[in-house]
Amino acid sequence: MFEYCLVVWLTMEEAKYIGNFISCAVANDYVAEYYADAPYTSCLHEDYIVLPKQFVKREINYAK
C-alpha cells in the first residue's frame, strides 16, 4: 500500500529519505507543507529503485 518513496534534496549534494506514501500526489502534498523550500524532490516507486540492505521503511499516513 505504501509503495512510493519520497526523497528530498535539501542541498544538491545529499538526498534524504523522508518516507513511503500511498501515492506521489500525497507525497507532493507533504512536500508542499513541510519541505516547500527544498530545491529538489523526487517521488519514486520502490520497485524501481535500489534500497540499502538496512533500509527501514517509514510509512507516512498523510492526509489534508
Protein backbone atom coordinates (compact mmCIF):
# COMPACT_ATOMS: atom_id res chain seq x y z
CA MET A 1 0.00 0.00 0.00
CA PHE A 2 2.77 2.49 0.91
CA GLU A 3 4.84 1.91 -2.22
CA TYR A 4 6.06 5.39 -3.18
CA CYS A 5 9.29 6.67 -1.65
CA LEU A 6 9.75 10.39 -1.19
CA VAL A 7 13.31 11.61 -1.46
CA VAL A 8 14.19 15.24 -0.74
CA TRP A 9 17.41 17.06 -1.59
CA LEU A 10 17.79 19.80 0.99
CA THR A 11 21.09 20.64 -0.67
CA MET A 12 22.14 19.48 -4.10
CA GLU A 13 24.72 17.14 -2.55
CA GLU A 14 22.88 14.72 -0.31
CA ALA A 15 19.50 13.04 -0.68
CA LYS A 16 17.32 12.41 2.37
CA TYR A 17 14.72 9.65 2.52
CA ILE A 18 11.53 11.03 4.05
CA GLY A 19 9.15 8.11 3.96
CA ASN A 20 6.76 5.97 1.96
CA PHE A 21 3.36 7.24 0.86
CA ILE A 22 0.30 5.72 -0.79
CA SER A 23 0.81 7.87 -3.90
CA CYS A 24 3.06 10.52 -5.38
CA ALA A 25 0.20 13.02 -5.14
CA VAL A 26 0.09 12.56 -1.36
CA ALA A 27 3.89 12.78 -1.18
CA ASN A 28 3.81 16.04 -3.16
CA ASP A 29 1.20 17.48 -0.76
CA TYR A 30 3.53 16.55 2.12
CA VAL A 31 6.42 18.32 0.38
CA ALA A 32 4.32 21.44 -0.14
CA GLU A 33 3.61 21.62 3.58
CA TYR A 34 6.90 20.53 5.16
CA TYR A 35 9.64 20.98 2.52
CA ALA A 36 8.44 23.89 0.37
CA ASP A 37 11.93 25.37 0.19
CA ALA A 38 13.69 22.14 -0.86
CA PRO A 39 15.50 22.68 -4.18
CA TYR A 40 14.61 19.22 -5.49
CA THR A 41 12.28 16.38 -4.55
CA SER A 42 11.52 13.07 -6.17
CA CYS A 43 8.75 10.54 -5.70
CA LEU A 44 9.79 7.08 -6.83
CA HIS A 45 8.10 3.67 -6.79
CA GLU A 46 10.10 1.39 -4.52
CA ASP A 47 10.07 -1.44 -7.09
CA TYR A 48 12.20 0.68 -9.45
CA ILE A 49 14.94 1.89 -7.12
CA VAL A 50 17.75 0.17 -5.23
CA LEU A 51 17.25 0.48 -1.50
CA PRO A 52 20.01 -0.17 1.06
CA LYS A 53 20.05 -3.57 2.79
CA GLN A 54 19.47 -1.92 6.18
CA PHE A 55 16.56 0.11 4.81
CA VAL A 56 13.78 0.70 7.34
CA LYS A 57 10.52 1.62 5.67
CA ARG A 58 8.79 4.63 7.23
CA GLU A 59 5.11 4.69 6.27
CA ILE A 60 3.61 8.16 6.43
CA ASN A 61 -0.16 8.28 6.50
CA TYR A 62 -0.65 11.88 5.47
CA ALA A 63 -4.00 13.39 4.59
CA LYS A 64 -5.05 17.01 4.33
